[in-house]
Amino acid sequence: MNSAQNSPAKGIGSQPRSSAPSRMVILIANSKGGCGKTTIATNLACYYEALGRRVSLLDMDPQQSSLQWLKLRQNTTIHGLSWPGFPGTTAAEAGPGGTGDHH
């Protein structure tokens, strides 16, 4: 697969884009800390946002690093979600761009 096949204008791989809406769930998980899970997740979120996709980023790490990153971004449509039960978190949503809106 070459870089032209991976470009946002062409879609991922050589598959043609469908006009029907689709949902994709990507899980980044590893029990080892410091292996790049947050980096990969936030980069994928940015990539799919750049494609014009609706993106939700659920951070299940007690450090909540991806939500802290999201709060620093401006003009983003990425929807951040925290996971209830971690110290310092609630079942609240970070909201688009990390606005801190609680539902």
Protein backbone atom coordinates (compact mmCIF):
# COMPACT_ATOMS: atom_id res chain seq x y z
CA MET A 1 0.00 0.00 0.00
CA ASN A 2 1.47 3.37 -0.95
CA SER A 3 0.97 6.78 0.67
CA ALA A 4 -1.46 7.88 -2.05
CA GLN A 5 -3.79 5.06 -1.04
CA ASN A 6 -3.71 6.30 2.57
CA SER A 7 -4.34 9.97 1.81
CA PRO A 8 -7.45 11.57 3.37
CA ALA A 9 -8.68 12.53 -0.10
CA LYS A 10 -8.80 8.88 -1.21
CA GLY A 11 -9.85 7.25 2.06
CA ILE A 12 -8.02 4.47 3.83
CA GLY A 13 -6.58 1.76 1.62
CA SER A 14 -7.91 1.17 -1.84
CA GLN A 15 -11.55 0.78 -0.83
CA PRO A 16 -13.93 3.34 -2.38
CA ARG A 17 -15.86 5.44 0.09
CA SER A 18 -19.46 4.56 0.60
CA SER A 19 -22.09 7.28 0.67
CA ALA A 20 -23.87 5.44 3.51
CA PRO A 21 -22.90 6.52 7.02
CA SER A 22 -20.79 3.99 8.86
CA ARG A 23 -19.52 3.59 12.38
CA MET A 24 -16.04 2.49 13.27
CA VAL A 25 -14.78 1.68 16.75
CA ILE A 26 -11.04 1.56 17.35
CA LEU A 27 -9.74 0.34 20.70
CA ILE A 28 -6.17 1.19 21.72
CA ALA A 29 -5.30 -1.02 24.70
CA ASN A 30 -2.23 -2.38 26.43
CA SER A 31 -1.62 -3.10 30.11
CA LYS A 32 1.86 -1.58 29.95
CA GLY A 33 2.17 2.11 30.74
CA GLY A 34 4.20 4.44 28.56
CA CYS A 35 3.81 2.45 25.36
CA GLY A 36 2.09 5.21 23.36
CA LYS A 37 -1.62 4.42 23.72
CA THR A 38 -2.64 8.06 24.24
CA THR A 39 -0.38 9.26 21.43
CA ILE A 40 -1.87 6.75 18.99
CA ALA A 41 -5.45 7.47 20.09
CA THR A 42 -5.15 11.25 19.83
CA ASN A 43 -3.40 11.04 16.45
CA LEU A 44 -6.12 8.75 15.08
CA ALA A 45 -8.79 11.10 16.45
CA CYS A 46 -7.15 14.04 14.62
CA TYR A 47 -6.84 12.03 11.42
CA TYR A 48 -10.50 11.05 11.33
CA GLU A 49 -11.56 14.58 12.28
CA ALA A 50 -9.52 15.84 9.29
CA LEU A 51 -11.46 13.41 7.09
CA GLY A 52 -14.66 15.07 8.26
CA ARG A 53 -15.75 12.13 10.40
CA ARG A 54 -17.55 12.56 13.70
CA VAL A 55 -15.09 11.49 16.39
CA SER A 56 -15.56 10.57 20.04
CA LEU A 57 -12.52 9.93 22.21
CA LEU A 58 -13.17 7.86 25.37
CA ASP A 59 -10.32 8.05 27.87
CA MET A 60 -10.34 5.15 30.33
CA ASP A 61 -6.89 5.91 31.75
CA PRO A 62 -6.94 7.29 35.32
CA GLN A 63 -4.51 10.04 34.21
CA GLN A 64 -7.04 11.27 31.61
CA SER A 65 -4.18 12.55 29.41
CA SER A 66 -6.16 12.50 26.16
CA LEU A 67 -8.89 14.65 27.70
CA GLN A 68 -6.27 17.10 28.97
CA TRP A 69 -4.87 17.21 25.42
CA LEU A 70 -8.35 17.72 24.02
CA LYS A 71 -9.01 20.68 26.34
CA LEU A 72 -5.92 22.41 24.91
CA ARG A 73 -7.08 22.05 21.29
CA GLN A 74 -8.95 24.92 19.70
CA ASN A 75 -11.67 24.64 17.06
CA THR A 76 -12.02 20.90 17.33
CA THR A 77 -15.09 18.77 16.75
CA ILE A 78 -13.67 15.78 18.66
CA HIS A 79 -16.08 14.77 21.40
CA GLY A 80 -14.21 13.77 24.58
CA LEU A 81 -15.67 11.38 27.14
CA SER A 82 -14.35 10.50 30.58
CA TRP A 83 -15.04 7.21 32.29
CA PRO A 84 -16.90 7.27 35.62
CA GLY A 85 -15.24 5.88 38.69
CA PHE A 86 -11.73 7.23 38.24
CA PRO A 87 -10.52 9.64 40.92
CA GLY A 88 -11.19 13.21 39.85
CA THR A 89 -13.62 12.22 37.10
CA THR A 90 -17.35 11.91 36.79
CA ALA A 91 -19.64 10.37 34.21
CA ALA A 92 -19.33 13.75 32.53
CA GLU A 93 -18.41 14.50 28.98
CA ALA A 94 -15.54 16.80 28.13
CA GLY A 95 -17.68 18.04 25.25
CA PRO A 96 -16.51 19.16 21.82
CA GLY A 97 -13.11 20.74 22.16
CA GLY A 98 -12.98 19.91 25.86
CA THR A 99 -15.46 22.53 26.98
CA GLY A 100 -16.17 20.73 30.22
CA ASP A 101 -19.93 20.54 29.65
CA HIS A 102 -21.42 18.07 32.09
CA HIS A 103 -24.55 16.02 31.36
